[in-house]
């Protein structure tokens, strides 16, 4: 039982993300998207206030 769990855990950690080649790249894109949206909403707030 323990060996099976360790094998499954190893397979999950080595799994590639669905879009980019590494998880680090995917999380970087998500983070940059968040930063972009924050800046965009800030600019909208300043322009339309």
PDB file of N, CA and C in Angstrom:
ATOM      1  N   UNK A   1       0.836  -1.194   0.000  1.00  0.00           N
ATOM      2  CA  UNK A   1       0.000   0.000   0.000  1.00  0.00           C
ATOM      3  C   UNK A   1       0.875   1.249   0.000  1.00  0.00           C
ATOM      4  N   UNK A   2       1.889   1.287   0.826  1.00  0.00           N
ATOM      5  CA  UNK A   2       2.767   2.447   0.910  1.00  0.00           C
ATOM      6  C   UNK A   2       3.547   2.645  -0.395  1.00  0.00           C
ATOM      7  N   UNK A   3       4.014   1.546  -0.982  1.00  0.00           N
ATOM      8  CA  UNK A   3       4.768   1.659  -2.236  1.00  0.00           C
ATOM      9  C   UNK A   3       3.891   2.220  -3.350  1.00  0.00           C
ATOM     10  N   UNK A   4       2.654   1.778  -3.409  1.00  0.00           N
ATOM     11  CA  UNK A   4       1.727   2.262  -4.425  1.00  0.00           C
ATOM     12  C   UNK A   4       1.483   3.763  -4.255  1.00  0.00           C
ATOM     13  N   UNK A   5       1.346   4.210  -3.031  1.00  0.00           N
ATOM     14  CA  UNK A   5       1.137   5.642  -2.767  1.00  0.00           C
ATOM     15  C   UNK A   5       2.343   6.450  -3.219  1.00  0.00           C
ATOM     16  N   UNK A   6       3.539   5.972  -2.946  1.00  0.00           N
ATOM     17  CA  UNK A   6       4.755   6.692  -3.328  1.00  0.00           C
ATOM     18  C   UNK A   6       4.902   6.754  -4.847  1.00  0.00           C
ATOM     19  N   UNK A   7       4.548   5.702  -5.537  1.00  0.00           N
ATOM     20  CA  UNK A   7       4.610   5.691  -6.998  1.00  0.00           C
ATOM     21  C   UNK A   7       3.618   6.706  -7.553  1.00  0.00           C
ATOM     22  N   UNK A   8       2.399   6.721  -7.042  1.00  0.00           N
ATOM     23  CA  UNK A   8       1.393   7.674  -7.516  1.00  0.00           C
ATOM     24  C   UNK A   8       1.810   9.104  -7.218  1.00  0.00           C
ATOM     25  N   UNK A   9       2.386   9.335  -6.063  1.00  0.00           N
ATOM     26  CA  UNK A   9       2.848  10.676  -5.697  1.00  0.00           C
ATOM     27  C   UNK A   9       3.955  11.122  -6.644  1.00  0.00           C
ATOM     28  N   UNK A  10       4.860  10.208  -6.988  1.00  0.00           N
ATOM     29  CA  UNK A  10       5.941  10.527  -7.912  1.00  0.00           C
ATOM     30  C   UNK A  10       5.387  10.847  -9.298  1.00  0.00           C
ATOM     31  N   UNK A  11       4.440  10.095  -9.780  1.00  0.00           N
ATOM     32  CA  UNK A  11       3.851  10.339 -11.095  1.00  0.00           C
ATOM     33  C   UNK A  11       3.143  11.684 -11.141  1.00  0.00           C
ATOM     34  N   UNK A  12       2.474  12.050 -10.069  1.00  0.00           N
ATOM     35  CA  UNK A  12       1.766  13.331 -10.019  1.00  0.00           C
ATOM     36  C   UNK A  12       2.755  14.485 -10.044  1.00  0.00           C
ATOM     37  N   UNK A  13       3.847  14.379  -9.309  1.00  0.00           N
ATOM     38  CA  UNK A  13       4.820  15.466  -9.254  1.00  0.00           C
ATOM     39  C   UNK A  13       5.554  15.644 -10.581  1.00  0.00           C
ATOM     40  N   UNK A  14       5.651  14.621 -11.397  1.00  0.00           N
ATOM     41  CA  UNK A  14       6.337  14.711 -12.679  1.00  0.00           C
ATOM     42  C   UNK A  14       5.392  15.049 -13.832  1.00  0.00           C
ATOM     43  N   UNK A  15       4.128  15.191 -13.550  1.00  0.00           N
ATOM     44  CA  UNK A  15       3.150  15.459 -14.586  1.00  0.00           C
ATOM     45  C   UNK A  15       3.360  16.852 -15.169  1.00  0.00           C
ATOM     46  N   UNK A  16       3.243  16.960 -16.477  1.00  0.00           N
ATOM     47  CA  UNK A  16       3.424  18.248 -17.134  1.00  0.00           C
ATOM     48  C   UNK A  16       2.104  19.018 -17.158  1.00  0.00           C
ATOM     49  N   UNK A  17       2.180  20.350 -17.178  1.00  0.00           N
ATOM     50  CA  UNK A  17       0.959  21.151 -17.255  1.00  0.00           C
ATOM     51  C   UNK A  17       0.324  21.040 -18.641  1.00  0.00           C
ATOM     52  N   UNK A  18      -0.950  21.342 -18.752  1.00  0.00           N
ATOM     53  CA  UNK A  18      -1.641  21.163 -20.027  1.00  0.00           C
ATOM     54  C   UNK A  18      -1.264  22.184 -21.104  1.00  0.00           C
ATOM     55  N   UNK A  19      -0.722  23.342 -20.717  1.00  0.00           N
ATOM     56  CA  UNK A  19      -0.487  24.392 -21.709  1.00  0.00           C
ATOM     57  C   UNK A  19       0.997  24.575 -22.013  1.00  0.00           C
ATOM     58  N   UNK A  20       1.787  24.905 -21.038  1.00  0.00           N
ATOM     59  CA  UNK A  20       3.209  25.171 -21.243  1.00  0.00           C
ATOM     60  C   UNK A  20       4.040  23.953 -20.871  1.00  0.00           C
ATOM     61  N   UNK A  21       5.350  24.081 -21.013  1.00  0.00           N
ATOM     62  CA  UNK A  21       6.198  22.905 -20.775  1.00  0.00           C
ATOM     63  C   UNK A  21       6.511  22.655 -19.304  1.00  0.00           C
ATOM     64  N   UNK A  22       6.451  23.711 -18.459  1.00  0.00           N
ATOM     65  CA  UNK A  22       6.719  23.513 -17.029  1.00  0.00           C
ATOM     66  C   UNK A  22       5.673  24.238 -16.191  1.00  0.00           C
ATOM     67  N   UNK A  23       5.536  23.776 -14.962  1.00  0.00           N
ATOM     68  CA  UNK A  23       4.598  24.426 -14.043  1.00  0.00           C
ATOM     69  C   UNK A  23       5.065  25.832 -13.693  1.00  0.00           C
ATOM     70  N   UNK A  24       6.377  26.023 -13.622  1.00  0.00           N
ATOM     71  CA  UNK A  24       6.918  27.341 -13.299  1.00  0.00           C
ATOM     72  C   UNK A  24       6.494  28.367 -14.350  1.00  0.00           C
ATOM     73  N   UNK A  25       6.535  27.995 -15.615  1.00  0.00           N
ATOM     74  CA  UNK A  25       6.108  28.897 -16.688  1.00  0.00           C
ATOM     75  C   UNK A  25       4.616  29.195 -16.589  1.00  0.00           C
ATOM     76  N   UNK A  26       3.839  28.179 -16.301  1.00  0.00           N
ATOM     77  CA  UNK A  26       2.400  28.370 -16.185  1.00  0.00           C
ATOM     78  C   UNK A  26       2.060  29.312 -15.035  1.00  0.00           C
ATOM     79  N   UNK A  27       2.686  29.101 -13.880  1.00  0.00           N
ATOM     80  CA  UNK A  27       2.435  29.975 -12.740  1.00  0.00           C
ATOM     81  C   UNK A  27       2.949  31.388 -12.995  1.00  0.00           C
ATOM     82  N   UNK A  28       4.020  31.525 -13.751  1.00  0.00           N
ATOM     83  CA  UNK A  28       4.516  32.856 -14.105  1.00  0.00           C
ATOM     84  C   UNK A  28       3.507  33.606 -14.968  1.00  0.00           C
ATOM     85  N   UNK A  29       2.923  32.920 -15.918  1.00  0.00           N
ATOM     86  CA  UNK A  29       1.897  33.536 -16.776  1.00  0.00           C
ATOM     87  C   UNK A  29       0.688  33.945 -15.941  1.00  0.00           C
ATOM     88  N   UNK A  30       0.265  33.100 -15.051  1.00  0.00           N
ATOM     89  CA  UNK A  30      -0.876  33.419 -14.189  1.00  0.00           C
ATOM     90  C   UNK A  30      -0.560  34.640 -13.317  1.00  0.00           C
ATOM     91  N   UNK A  31       0.622  34.674 -12.744  1.00  0.00           N
ATOM     92  CA  UNK A  31       1.027  35.799 -11.911  1.00  0.00           C
ATOM     93  C   UNK A  31       1.106  37.096 -12.723  1.00  0.00           C
ATOM     94  N   UNK A  32       1.702  37.031 -13.897  1.00  0.00           N
ATOM     95  CA  UNK A  32       1.796  38.225 -14.748  1.00  0.00           C
ATOM     96  C   UNK A  32       0.416  38.710 -15.191  1.00  0.00           C
ATOM     97  N   UNK A  33      -0.470  37.785 -15.432  1.00  0.00           N
ATOM     98  CA  UNK A  33      -1.837  38.150 -15.773  1.00  0.00           C
ATOM     99  C   UNK A  33      -2.501  38.901 -14.607  1.00  0.00           C
ATOM    100  N   UNK A  34      -2.295  38.433 -13.409  1.00  0.00           N
ATOM    101  CA  UNK A  34      -2.835  39.096 -12.225  1.00  0.00           C
ATOM    102  C   UNK A  34      -2.270  40.507 -12.086  1.00  0.00           C
ATOM    103  N   UNK A  35      -0.970  40.656 -12.253  1.00  0.00           N
ATOM    104  CA  UNK A  35      -0.334  41.975 -12.162  1.00  0.00           C
ATOM    105  C   UNK A  35      -0.896  42.899 -13.238  1.00  0.00           C
ATOM    106  N   UNK A  36      -1.034  42.402 -14.434  1.00  0.00           N
ATOM    107  CA  UNK A  36      -1.597  43.193 -15.528  1.00  0.00           C
ATOM    108  C   UNK A  36      -3.010  43.676 -15.201  1.00  0.00           C
ATOM    109  N   UNK A  37      -3.843  42.790 -14.688  1.00  0.00           N
ATOM    110  CA  UNK A  37      -5.216  43.168 -14.361  1.00  0.00           C
ATOM    111  C   UNK A  37      -5.268  44.202 -13.238  1.00  0.00           C
ATOM    112  N   UNK A  38      -4.418  44.058 -12.252  1.00  0.00           N
ATOM    113  CA  UNK A  38      -4.377  45.034 -11.165  1.00  0.00           C
ATOM    114  C   UNK A  38      -4.001  46.403 -11.697  1.00  0.00           C
ATOM    115  N   UNK A  39      -2.986  46.451 -12.540  1.00  0.00           N
ATOM    116  CA  UNK A  39      -2.573  47.733 -13.134  1.00  0.00           C
ATOM    117  C   UNK A  39      -3.676  48.294 -14.020  1.00  0.00           C
ATOM    118  N   UNK A  40      -4.295  47.467 -14.815  1.00  0.00           N
ATOM    119  CA  UNK A  40      -5.382  47.908 -15.694  1.00  0.00           C
ATOM    120  C   UNK A  40      -6.546  48.489 -14.893  1.00  0.00           C
ATOM    121  N   UNK A  41      -6.970  47.826 -13.844  1.00  0.00           N
ATOM    122  CA  UNK A  41      -8.069  48.334 -13.026  1.00  0.00           C
ATOM    123  C   UNK A  41      -7.678  49.605 -12.289  1.00  0.00           C
ATOM    124  N   UNK A  42      -6.435  49.707 -11.901  1.00  0.00           N
ATOM    125  CA  UNK A  42      -5.959  50.937 -11.268  1.00  0.00           C
ATOM    126  C   UNK A  42      -6.046  52.104 -12.248  1.00  0.00           C
ATOM    127  N   UNK A  43      -5.592  51.875 -13.467  1.00  0.00           N
ATOM    128  CA  UNK A  43      -5.637  52.926 -14.490  1.00  0.00           C
ATOM    129  C   UNK A  43      -7.090  53.316 -14.786  1.00  0.00           C
ATOM    130  N   UNK A  44      -7.970  52.345 -14.926  1.00  0.00           N
ATOM    131  CA  UNK A  44      -9.393  52.638 -15.149  1.00  0.00           C
ATOM    132  C   UNK A  44      -9.972  53.456 -14.008  1.00  0.00           C
ATOM    133  N   UNK A  45      -9.613  53.127 -12.805  1.00  0.00           N
ATOM    134  CA  UNK A  45     -10.097  53.846 -11.645  1.00  0.00           C
ATOM    135  C   UNK A  45      -9.638  55.305 -11.675  1.00  0.00           C
ATOM    136  N   UNK A  46      -8.398  55.541 -12.019  1.00  0.00           N
ATOM    137  CA  UNK A  46      -7.867  56.907 -12.092  1.00  0.00           C
ATOM    138  C   UNK A  46      -8.496  57.683 -13.234  1.00  0.00           C
ATOM    139  N   UNK A  47      -8.694  57.054 -14.364  1.00  0.00           N
ATOM    140  CA  UNK A  47      -9.254  57.752 -15.515  1.00  0.00           C
ATOM    141  C   UNK A  47     -10.731  58.109 -15.296  1.00  0.00           C
ATOM    142  N   UNK A  48     -11.511  57.209 -14.764  1.00  0.00           N
ATOM    143  CA  UNK A  48     -12.960  57.399 -14.672  1.00  0.00           C
ATOM    144  C   UNK A  48     -13.431  57.902 -13.310  1.00  0.00           C
ATOM    145  N   UNK A  49     -12.536  58.347 -12.473  1.00  0.00           N
ATOM    146  CA  UNK A  49     -12.973  58.859 -11.169  1.00  0.00           C
ATOM    147  C   UNK A  49     -13.076  60.364 -11.184  1.00  0.00           C
TER     148      UNK A  49
END
